[in-house]
N, C-alpha and C. Protein backbone atom coordinates (compact mmCIF):
# COMPACT_ATOMS: atom_id res chain seq x y z
N UNK A 1 0.85 -1.16 0.00
CA UNK A 1 0.00 0.00 0.00
C UNK A 1 0.90 1.22 0.00
N UNK A 2 0.90 1.90 -1.06
CA UNK A 2 1.78 3.07 -1.23
C UNK A 2 0.97 4.32 -0.95
N UNK A 3 1.28 5.02 0.15
CA UNK A 3 0.50 6.20 0.50
C UNK A 3 1.31 7.48 0.44
N UNK A 4 2.60 7.37 0.37
CA UNK A 4 3.44 8.57 0.32
C UNK A 4 3.92 8.77 -1.10
N UNK A 5 3.92 10.00 -1.54
CA UNK A 5 4.44 10.29 -2.87
C UNK A 5 5.90 10.64 -2.74
N UNK A 6 6.66 10.25 -3.72
CA UNK A 6 8.09 10.56 -3.73
C UNK A 6 8.32 11.94 -4.32
N UNK A 7 7.32 12.80 -4.22
CA UNK A 7 7.45 14.12 -4.83
C UNK A 7 8.08 15.14 -3.90
N UNK A 8 8.42 14.75 -2.68
CA UNK A 8 9.03 15.71 -1.77
C UNK A 8 10.30 16.29 -2.36
N UNK A 9 11.07 15.44 -3.03
CA UNK A 9 12.30 15.92 -3.66
C UNK A 9 11.97 16.89 -4.78
N UNK A 10 10.96 16.59 -5.55
CA UNK A 10 10.56 17.48 -6.63
C UNK A 10 10.11 18.82 -6.09
N UNK A 11 9.55 18.82 -4.90
CA UNK A 11 9.12 20.09 -4.32
C UNK A 11 10.31 20.95 -3.93
N UNK A 12 11.44 20.33 -3.63
CA UNK A 12 12.64 21.12 -3.37
C UNK A 12 13.00 21.91 -4.62
N UNK A 13 12.82 21.27 -5.77
CA UNK A 13 13.11 21.96 -7.02
C UNK A 13 12.25 23.20 -7.14
N UNK A 14 10.99 23.10 -6.72
CA UNK A 14 10.11 24.27 -6.74
C UNK A 14 10.64 25.34 -5.79
N UNK A 15 11.09 24.91 -4.61
CA UNK A 15 11.64 25.87 -3.65
C UNK A 15 12.88 26.54 -4.25
N UNK A 16 13.77 25.75 -4.87
CA UNK A 16 14.96 26.35 -5.48
C UNK A 16 14.57 27.27 -6.63
N UNK A 17 13.59 26.86 -7.41
CA UNK A 17 13.16 27.70 -8.53
C UNK A 17 12.60 29.02 -8.03
N UNK A 18 11.92 28.98 -6.91
CA UNK A 18 11.40 30.22 -6.36
C UNK A 18 12.52 31.17 -6.01
N UNK A 19 13.56 30.62 -5.48
CA UNK A 19 14.70 31.44 -5.13
C UNK A 19 15.29 32.08 -6.38
N UNK A 20 15.31 31.32 -7.45
CA UNK A 20 15.89 31.81 -8.69
C UNK A 20 15.04 32.95 -9.26
N UNK A 21 13.77 32.99 -8.93
CA UNK A 21 12.87 33.99 -9.49
C UNK A 21 12.71 35.21 -8.59
N UNK A 22 13.71 35.64 -7.91
CA UNK A 22 13.60 36.75 -6.98
C UNK A 22 14.00 38.10 -7.59
N UNK A 23 13.66 39.20 -6.95
CA UNK A 23 13.96 40.55 -7.45
C UNK A 23 15.10 41.24 -6.65
N UNK A 24 15.95 42.35 -7.09
CA UNK A 24 17.15 42.91 -6.45
C UNK A 24 17.02 43.95 -5.38
N UNK A 25 17.84 44.47 -2.86
CA UNK A 25 17.90 45.44 -1.78
C UNK A 25 19.33 45.54 -1.38
N UNK A 26 19.63 46.01 -0.33
CA UNK A 26 21.02 46.31 0.02
C UNK A 26 21.39 45.75 1.38
N UNK A 27 22.66 45.56 1.61
CA UNK A 27 23.17 45.30 2.93
C UNK A 27 23.48 43.87 3.29
N UNK A 28 23.12 42.90 2.51
CA UNK A 28 23.36 41.51 2.86
C UNK A 28 24.39 40.89 1.96
N UNK A 29 24.45 39.57 1.99
CA UNK A 29 25.40 38.89 1.11
C UNK A 29 25.04 39.10 -0.36
N UNK A 30 26.03 38.99 -1.21
CA UNK A 30 25.79 39.11 -2.65
C UNK A 30 24.86 37.99 -3.10
N UNK A 31 24.21 38.13 -4.24
CA UNK A 31 23.36 37.05 -4.75
C UNK A 31 24.11 35.72 -4.87
N UNK A 32 25.36 35.76 -5.33
CA UNK A 32 26.14 34.52 -5.45
C UNK A 32 26.39 33.88 -4.09
N UNK A 33 26.79 34.70 -3.11
CA UNK A 33 27.07 34.16 -1.77
C UNK A 33 25.80 33.61 -1.14
N UNK A 34 24.71 34.33 -1.33
CA UNK A 34 23.45 33.88 -0.76
C UNK A 34 22.99 32.58 -1.43
N UNK A 35 23.06 32.53 -2.74
CA UNK A 35 22.68 31.32 -3.47
C UNK A 35 23.51 30.13 -3.00
N UNK A 36 24.81 30.34 -2.82
CA UNK A 36 25.68 29.26 -2.36
C UNK A 36 25.26 28.79 -0.97
N UNK A 37 24.96 29.73 -0.08
CA UNK A 37 24.54 29.37 1.28
C UNK A 37 23.21 28.63 1.27
N UNK A 38 22.26 29.11 0.49
CA UNK A 38 20.94 28.49 0.45
C UNK A 38 21.04 27.09 -0.16
N UNK A 39 21.76 26.96 -1.25
CA UNK A 39 21.92 25.62 -1.84
C UNK A 39 22.66 24.70 -0.89
N UNK A 40 23.64 25.24 -0.16
CA UNK A 40 24.35 24.45 0.83
C UNK A 40 23.44 23.97 1.94
N UNK A 41 22.39 24.73 2.23
CA UNK A 41 21.41 24.34 3.24
C UNK A 41 20.39 23.35 2.69
N UNK A 42 19.99 23.56 1.44
CA UNK A 42 18.90 22.76 0.87
C UNK A 42 19.35 21.42 0.29
N UNK A 43 20.60 21.32 -0.14
CA UNK A 43 21.06 20.07 -0.73
C UNK A 43 21.00 18.90 0.26
N UNK A 44 21.52 19.05 1.49
CA UNK A 44 21.40 17.92 2.43
C UNK A 44 19.95 17.67 2.84
N UNK A 45 19.16 18.74 2.90
CA UNK A 45 17.74 18.59 3.23
C UNK A 45 17.05 17.74 2.16
N UNK A 46 17.30 18.06 0.89
CA UNK A 46 16.70 17.32 -0.22
C UNK A 46 17.10 15.84 -0.13
N UNK A 47 18.35 15.57 0.13
CA UNK A 47 18.81 14.18 0.23
C UNK A 47 18.12 13.45 1.38
N UNK A 48 18.00 14.12 2.51
CA UNK A 48 17.37 13.50 3.68
C UNK A 48 15.88 13.27 3.43
N UNK A 49 15.20 14.23 2.84
CA UNK A 49 13.77 14.05 2.54
C UNK A 49 13.59 12.91 1.54
N UNK A 50 14.46 12.84 0.56
CA UNK A 50 14.39 11.75 -0.42
C UNK A 50 14.58 10.40 0.27
N UNK A 51 15.58 10.32 1.13
CA UNK A 51 15.85 9.07 1.85
C UNK A 51 14.66 8.70 2.73
N UNK A 52 14.12 9.68 3.45
CA UNK A 52 13.00 9.42 4.34
C UNK A 52 11.74 9.05 3.57
N UNK A 53 11.52 9.69 2.44
CA UNK A 53 10.35 9.36 1.61
C UNK A 53 10.46 7.92 1.12
N UNK A 54 11.63 7.54 0.67
CA UNK A 54 11.85 6.17 0.21
C UNK A 54 11.63 5.18 1.36
N UNK A 55 12.16 5.51 2.53
CA UNK A 55 11.98 4.63 3.69
C UNK A 55 10.52 4.52 4.09
N UNK A 56 9.79 5.64 4.01
CA UNK A 56 8.37 5.62 4.35
C UNK A 56 7.61 4.75 3.37
N UNK A 57 7.91 4.90 2.08
CA UNK A 57 7.25 4.06 1.07
C UNK A 57 7.53 2.59 1.33
N UNK A 58 8.77 2.27 1.66
CA UNK A 58 9.14 0.88 1.95
C UNK A 58 8.40 0.39 3.19
N UNK A 59 8.31 1.26 4.20
CA UNK A 59 7.64 0.89 5.44
C UNK A 59 6.16 0.59 5.19
N UNK A 60 5.54 1.37 4.31
CA UNK A 60 4.12 1.20 4.08
C UNK A 60 3.81 -0.07 3.28
N UNK A 61 4.79 -0.61 2.58
CA UNK A 61 4.57 -1.84 1.81
C UNK A 61 5.16 -3.06 2.51
N UNK A 62 5.89 -2.85 3.59
CA UNK A 62 6.52 -3.96 4.31
C UNK A 62 5.47 -4.73 5.12
N UNK A 63 5.77 -5.97 5.35
CA UNK A 63 4.90 -6.80 6.18
C UNK A 63 5.33 -6.64 7.64
N UNK A 64 4.80 -5.62 8.27
CA UNK A 64 5.11 -5.38 9.68
C UNK A 64 3.80 -5.29 10.46
N UNK A 65 3.92 -5.35 11.73
CA UNK A 65 2.74 -5.15 12.57
C UNK A 65 2.42 -3.66 12.61
N UNK A 66 1.18 -3.32 12.94
CA UNK A 66 0.86 -1.90 13.08
C UNK A 66 1.77 -1.19 14.10
N UNK A 67 2.11 -1.86 15.17
CA UNK A 67 2.98 -1.25 16.19
C UNK A 67 4.37 -0.95 15.61
N UNK A 68 4.91 -1.89 14.82
CA UNK A 68 6.21 -1.66 14.19
C UNK A 68 6.12 -0.53 13.16
N UNK A 69 5.07 -0.54 12.36
CA UNK A 69 4.88 0.51 11.36
C UNK A 69 4.75 1.86 12.04
N UNK A 70 4.00 1.92 13.12
CA UNK A 70 3.82 3.17 13.86
C UNK A 70 5.16 3.70 14.35
N UNK A 71 5.93 2.85 14.98
CA UNK A 71 7.25 3.25 15.50
C UNK A 71 8.14 3.78 14.37
N UNK A 72 8.17 3.07 13.26
CA UNK A 72 9.01 3.48 12.13
C UNK A 72 8.53 4.78 11.51
N UNK A 73 7.23 4.92 11.32
CA UNK A 73 6.69 6.14 10.70
C UNK A 73 6.88 7.36 11.60
N UNK A 74 6.69 7.19 12.89
CA UNK A 74 6.92 8.30 13.82
C UNK A 74 8.37 8.75 13.73
N UNK A 75 9.29 7.80 13.70
CA UNK A 75 10.71 8.12 13.58
C UNK A 75 11.01 8.80 12.23
N UNK A 76 10.45 8.28 11.15
CA UNK A 76 10.69 8.86 9.83
C UNK A 76 10.16 10.28 9.72
N UNK A 77 8.92 10.51 10.15
CA UNK A 77 8.36 11.86 10.06
C UNK A 77 9.06 12.81 11.02
N UNK A 78 9.50 12.30 12.16
CA UNK A 78 10.29 13.13 13.06
C UNK A 78 11.62 13.53 12.43
N UNK A 79 12.22 12.61 11.68
CA UNK A 79 13.47 12.92 10.97
C UNK A 79 13.25 13.97 9.89
N UNK A 80 12.13 13.89 9.18
CA UNK A 80 11.82 14.88 8.15
C UNK A 80 11.56 16.24 8.78
N UNK A 81 10.90 16.24 9.92
CA UNK A 81 10.65 17.49 10.65
C UNK A 81 11.98 18.13 11.05
N UNK A 82 12.88 17.35 11.60
CA UNK A 82 14.18 17.87 12.03
C UNK A 82 15.01 18.35 10.85
N UNK A 83 15.01 17.59 9.77
CA UNK A 83 15.77 17.99 8.58
C UNK A 83 15.25 19.31 8.02
N UNK A 84 13.93 19.49 8.04
CA UNK A 84 13.34 20.74 7.55
C UNK A 84 13.71 21.91 8.45
N UNK A 85 13.73 21.69 9.75
CA UNK A 85 14.12 22.76 10.67
C UNK A 85 15.59 23.11 10.49
N UNK A 86 16.43 22.12 10.29
CA UNK A 86 17.86 22.39 10.07
C UNK A 86 18.05 23.22 8.82
N UNK A 87 17.35 22.88 7.75
CA UNK A 87 17.45 23.66 6.50
C UNK A 87 16.92 25.07 6.72
N UNK A 88 15.80 25.21 7.43
CA UNK A 88 15.22 26.53 7.69
C UNK A 88 16.21 27.41 8.47
N UNK A 89 16.82 26.82 9.48
CA UNK A 89 17.79 27.56 10.30
C UNK A 89 19.01 27.98 9.47
N UNK A 90 19.48 27.11 8.59
CA UNK A 90 20.63 27.45 7.75
C UNK A 90 20.29 28.54 6.74
N UNK A 91 19.07 28.52 6.21
CA UNK A 91 18.65 29.60 5.31
C UNK A 91 18.58 30.91 6.10
N UNK A 92 18.10 30.84 7.31
CA UNK A 92 18.07 32.03 8.17
C UNK A 92 19.48 32.55 8.40
N UNK A 93 20.42 31.66 8.66
CA UNK A 93 21.81 32.05 8.88
C UNK A 93 22.45 32.63 7.62
N UNK A 94 21.91 32.30 6.46
CA UNK A 94 22.44 32.85 5.20
C UNK A 94 22.20 34.36 5.12
N UNK A 95 21.28 34.86 5.91
CA UNK A 95 21.01 36.30 5.93
C UNK A 95 20.03 36.71 4.86
N UNK A 96 20.08 37.99 4.55
CA UNK A 96 19.18 38.58 3.57
C UNK A 96 20.00 38.94 2.34
N UNK A 97 19.62 38.42 1.17
CA UNK A 97 20.42 38.70 -0.02
C UNK A 97 20.39 40.18 -0.40
N UNK A 98 21.48 40.62 -0.95
CA UNK A 98 21.60 42.02 -1.39
C UNK A 98 20.87 42.18 -2.72
N UNK A 99 19.55 42.18 -2.62
CA UNK A 99 18.69 42.35 -3.79
C UNK A 99 17.46 43.14 -3.36
N UNK A 100 16.74 43.69 -4.32
CA UNK A 100 15.45 44.29 -3.99
C UNK A 100 14.58 43.20 -3.40
N UNK A 101 13.84 43.55 -2.38
CA UNK A 101 12.93 42.60 -1.72
C UNK A 101 13.68 41.44 -1.08
N UNK A 102 14.95 41.63 -0.73
CA UNK A 102 15.75 40.56 -0.14
C UNK A 102 15.14 40.01 1.13
N UNK A 103 14.62 40.89 1.98
CA UNK A 103 13.99 40.44 3.23
C UNK A 103 12.78 39.57 2.92
N UNK A 104 11.98 39.98 1.96
CA UNK A 104 10.79 39.22 1.58
C UNK A 104 11.18 37.84 1.02
N UNK A 105 12.23 37.81 0.23
CA UNK A 105 12.70 36.55 -0.35
C UNK A 105 13.19 35.61 0.74
N UNK A 106 14.03 36.13 1.63
CA UNK A 106 14.57 35.32 2.71
C UNK A 106 13.45 34.82 3.63
N UNK A 107 12.55 35.72 3.98
CA UNK A 107 11.42 35.35 4.83
C UNK A 107 10.55 34.29 4.16
N UNK A 108 10.34 34.43 2.86
CA UNK A 108 9.54 33.45 2.14
C UNK A 108 10.13 32.05 2.21
N UNK A 109 11.44 31.97 2.05
CA UNK A 109 12.09 30.66 2.13
C UNK A 109 11.99 30.07 3.53
N UNK A 110 12.26 30.88 4.53
CA UNK A 110 12.19 30.40 5.91
C UNK A 110 10.77 29.97 6.26
N UNK A 111 9.80 30.76 5.83
CA UNK A 111 8.40 30.43 6.12
C UNK A 111 8.00 29.13 5.44
N UNK A 112 8.38 28.97 4.19
CA UNK A 112 8.05 27.76 3.46
C UNK A 112 8.64 26.53 4.14
N UNK A 113 9.91 26.60 4.50
CA UNK A 113 10.55 25.47 5.19
C UNK A 113 9.92 25.24 6.56
N UNK A 114 9.53 26.31 7.25
CA UNK A 114 8.85 26.16 8.54
C UNK A 114 7.51 25.46 8.39
N UNK A 115 6.78 25.78 7.34
CA UNK A 115 5.50 25.11 7.10
C UNK A 115 5.70 23.63 6.78
N UNK A 116 6.76 23.33 6.03
CA UNK A 116 7.07 21.93 5.73
C UNK A 116 7.42 21.19 7.02
N UNK A 117 8.25 21.83 7.83
CA UNK A 117 8.62 21.25 9.14
C UNK A 117 7.38 20.95 9.96
N UNK A 118 6.48 21.93 10.03
CA UNK A 118 5.27 21.77 10.83
C UNK A 118 4.36 20.67 10.29
N UNK A 119 4.28 20.55 8.96
CA UNK A 119 3.45 19.50 8.35
C UNK A 119 3.98 18.13 8.74
N UNK A 120 5.29 17.95 8.68
CA UNK A 120 5.87 16.67 9.10
C UNK A 120 5.62 16.42 10.58
N UNK A 121 5.75 17.46 11.39
CA UNK A 121 5.50 17.31 12.83
C UNK A 121 4.07 16.91 13.13
N UNK A 122 3.11 17.54 12.43
CA UNK A 122 1.71 17.17 12.64
C UNK A 122 1.45 15.73 12.19
N UNK A 123 2.06 15.31 11.08
CA UNK A 123 1.89 13.91 10.63
C UNK A 123 2.46 12.95 11.67
N UNK A 124 3.63 13.30 12.20
CA UNK A 124 4.24 12.45 13.24
C UNK A 124 3.32 12.36 14.45
N UNK A 125 2.80 13.52 14.90
CA UNK A 125 1.93 13.53 16.08
C UNK A 125 0.64 12.74 15.84
N UNK A 126 0.08 12.87 14.65
CA UNK A 126 -1.16 12.15 14.32
C UNK A 126 -0.93 10.64 14.37
N UNK A 127 0.16 10.20 13.76
CA UNK A 127 0.45 8.77 13.75
C UNK A 127 0.78 8.27 15.15
N UNK A 128 1.45 9.10 15.92
CA UNK A 128 1.79 8.73 17.29
C UNK A 128 0.52 8.47 18.12
N UNK A 129 -0.56 9.18 17.81
CA UNK A 129 -1.80 9.03 18.57
C UNK A 129 -2.67 7.86 18.07
N UNK A 130 -2.33 7.26 16.95
CA UNK A 130 -3.16 6.18 16.40
C UNK A 130 -3.06 4.92 17.25
N UNK A 131 -4.19 4.26 17.41
CA UNK A 131 -4.27 2.99 18.11
C UNK A 131 -3.84 1.88 17.15
N UNK A 132 -3.02 0.97 17.60
CA UNK A 132 -2.51 -0.10 16.73
C UNK A 132 -3.23 -1.43 16.94
N UNK A 133 -4.25 -1.44 17.76
CA UNK A 133 -4.92 -2.73 18.05
C UNK A 133 -5.74 -3.25 16.87
N UNK A 134 -6.22 -2.38 16.01
CA UNK A 134 -6.99 -2.78 14.83
C UNK A 134 -6.22 -2.31 13.59
N UNK A 135 -5.64 -3.28 12.85
CA UNK A 135 -4.76 -2.96 11.72
C UNK A 135 -5.45 -2.10 10.66
N UNK A 136 -6.66 -2.45 10.28
CA UNK A 136 -7.34 -1.70 9.22
C UNK A 136 -7.55 -0.25 9.63
N UNK A 137 -8.02 -0.04 10.84
CA UNK A 137 -8.23 1.33 11.34
C UNK A 137 -6.91 2.08 11.43
N UNK A 138 -5.86 1.39 11.87
CA UNK A 138 -4.56 2.04 11.97
C UNK A 138 -4.09 2.50 10.60
N UNK A 139 -4.11 1.61 9.61
CA UNK A 139 -3.62 1.98 8.28
C UNK A 139 -4.51 3.01 7.60
N UNK A 140 -5.81 2.98 7.89
CA UNK A 140 -6.68 4.05 7.39
C UNK A 140 -6.26 5.39 7.99
N UNK A 141 -5.91 5.38 9.27
CA UNK A 141 -5.44 6.59 9.94
C UNK A 141 -4.12 7.08 9.37
N UNK A 142 -3.24 6.14 9.05
CA UNK A 142 -1.96 6.50 8.43
C UNK A 142 -2.20 7.14 7.07
N UNK A 143 -3.08 6.52 6.27
CA UNK A 143 -3.39 7.09 4.96
C UNK A 143 -3.94 8.51 5.09
N UNK A 144 -4.83 8.72 6.03
CA UNK A 144 -5.40 10.05 6.24
C UNK A 144 -4.32 11.05 6.66
N UNK A 145 -3.41 10.61 7.54
CA UNK A 145 -2.33 11.49 7.98
C UNK A 145 -1.41 11.85 6.83
N UNK A 146 -1.11 10.89 5.97
CA UNK A 146 -0.24 11.14 4.83
C UNK A 146 -0.94 12.03 3.80
N UNK A 147 -2.23 11.81 3.59
CA UNK A 147 -2.98 12.69 2.69
C UNK A 147 -2.95 14.13 3.18
N UNK A 148 -3.15 14.32 4.47
CA UNK A 148 -3.09 15.66 5.06
C UNK A 148 -1.69 16.23 4.91
N UNK A 149 -0.68 15.43 5.17
CA UNK A 149 0.71 15.87 5.02
C UNK A 149 0.95 16.35 3.59
N UNK A 150 0.52 15.58 2.61
CA UNK A 150 0.73 15.97 1.22
C UNK A 150 0.04 17.28 0.89
N UNK A 151 -1.17 17.48 1.38
CA UNK A 151 -1.89 18.74 1.14
C UNK A 151 -1.18 19.91 1.80
N UNK A 152 -0.75 19.73 3.05
CA UNK A 152 -0.05 20.79 3.76
C UNK A 152 1.29 21.09 3.11
N UNK A 153 1.97 20.05 2.66
CA UNK A 153 3.26 20.21 1.99
C UNK A 153 3.08 21.03 0.71
N UNK A 154 2.05 20.67 -0.07
CA UNK A 154 1.76 21.41 -1.30
C UNK A 154 1.44 22.88 -0.99
N UNK A 155 0.69 23.11 0.06
CA UNK A 155 0.30 24.48 0.42
C UNK A 155 1.47 25.31 0.95
N UNK A 156 2.55 24.67 1.32
CA UNK A 156 3.70 25.39 1.88
C UNK A 156 4.61 25.98 0.82
N UNK A 157 4.33 25.71 -0.44
CA UNK A 157 5.18 26.19 -1.53
C UNK A 157 5.26 27.71 -1.51
N UNK A 158 6.42 28.21 -1.82
CA UNK A 158 6.68 29.65 -1.85
C UNK A 158 6.03 30.28 -3.07
N UNK A 159 5.30 31.38 -2.87
CA UNK A 159 4.66 32.10 -3.97
C UNK A 159 5.69 32.98 -4.64
N UNK A 160 5.99 32.69 -5.89
CA UNK A 160 7.02 33.43 -6.61
C UNK A 160 6.46 34.36 -7.67
N UNK A 161 5.16 34.56 -7.63
CA UNK A 161 4.52 35.32 -8.71
C UNK A 161 5.04 36.76 -8.82
N UNK A 162 5.54 37.33 -7.72
CA UNK A 162 6.03 38.71 -7.76
C UNK A 162 7.56 38.80 -7.82
N UNK A 163 8.23 37.70 -7.90
CA UNK A 163 9.68 37.70 -7.83
C UNK A 163 10.30 37.30 -9.16
N UNK A 164 11.29 38.10 -9.61
CA UNK A 164 11.97 37.78 -10.87
C UNK A 164 13.29 38.54 -10.91
N UNK A 165 14.40 37.84 -10.89
CA UNK A 165 15.71 38.48 -10.90
C UNK A 165 16.69 37.68 -11.74
N UNK A 166 17.16 38.28 -12.80
CA UNK A 166 18.17 37.63 -13.62
C UNK A 166 19.46 37.44 -12.82
N UNK A 167 19.76 38.38 -11.94
CA UNK A 167 20.97 38.30 -11.13
C UNK A 167 20.97 37.06 -10.24
N UNK A 168 19.84 36.80 -9.57
CA UNK A 168 19.75 35.60 -8.72
C UNK A 168 19.69 34.33 -9.57
N UNK A 169 18.99 34.39 -10.67
CA UNK A 169 18.92 33.22 -11.55
C UNK A 169 20.33 32.83 -11.99
N UNK A 170 21.10 33.84 -12.40
CA UNK A 170 22.49 33.58 -12.81
C UNK A 170 23.29 33.00 -11.65
N UNK A 171 23.11 33.58 -10.47
CA UNK A 171 23.86 33.10 -9.30
C UNK A 171 23.54 31.61 -9.03
N UNK A 172 22.28 31.24 -9.09
CA UNK A 172 21.93 29.85 -8.85
C UNK A 172 22.41 28.92 -9.95
N UNK A 173 22.50 29.44 -11.15
CA UNK A 173 23.02 28.65 -12.26
C UNK A 173 24.52 28.45 -12.17
N UNK A 174 25.23 29.41 -11.59
CA UNK A 174 26.69 29.43 -11.62
C UNK A 174 27.39 28.85 -10.40
N UNK A 175 26.82 29.02 -9.21
CA UNK A 175 27.56 28.58 -8.03
C UNK A 175 27.58 27.05 -7.94
N UNK A 176 28.75 26.49 -7.62
CA UNK A 176 28.90 25.04 -7.59
C UNK A 176 27.96 24.36 -6.58
N UNK A 177 27.64 25.03 -5.49
CA UNK A 177 26.79 24.44 -4.46
C UNK A 177 25.39 24.13 -4.97
N UNK A 178 24.99 24.77 -6.06
CA UNK A 178 23.63 24.59 -6.60
C UNK A 178 23.58 23.58 -7.74
N UNK A 179 24.66 22.95 -8.05
CA UNK A 179 24.67 21.99 -9.16
C UNK A 179 24.44 20.58 -8.67
């Protein structure tokens, strides 16, 4: 029973693309330095989310007891929550890029990662509260938790409709950390 989509990694691409579509303020790191810092924060996050998504998919198809599945899923979603917070904190540490609307861009990334972190945390908490005595009810609860997680994850995407910067796009294309 496959209930998790492996699209979490693809959503990182959306997050990175949003960064690429930003506009040019003053006082922070250069676009290249900021892009390098942000990619340095998001690359390990993407790898961890990919690994956790794969593990979750494997867990959902494995022949385990509901209690074993619960323990594993709680651990997996907790790991995704922590990985998202680590990435959010590193983006925060990257500062505000020296571009117009730099504060808005930086805040948008931190907010998006915070919403992803919170979605994983809520999924973990929901599964932690599920009763494992009835397998069908437990797995129905897991499916509902994962469906909610996917909706919340989708809703956490950064709105890039007002952001567009050739300077940042070039920076993300050129810095080695983003390749």
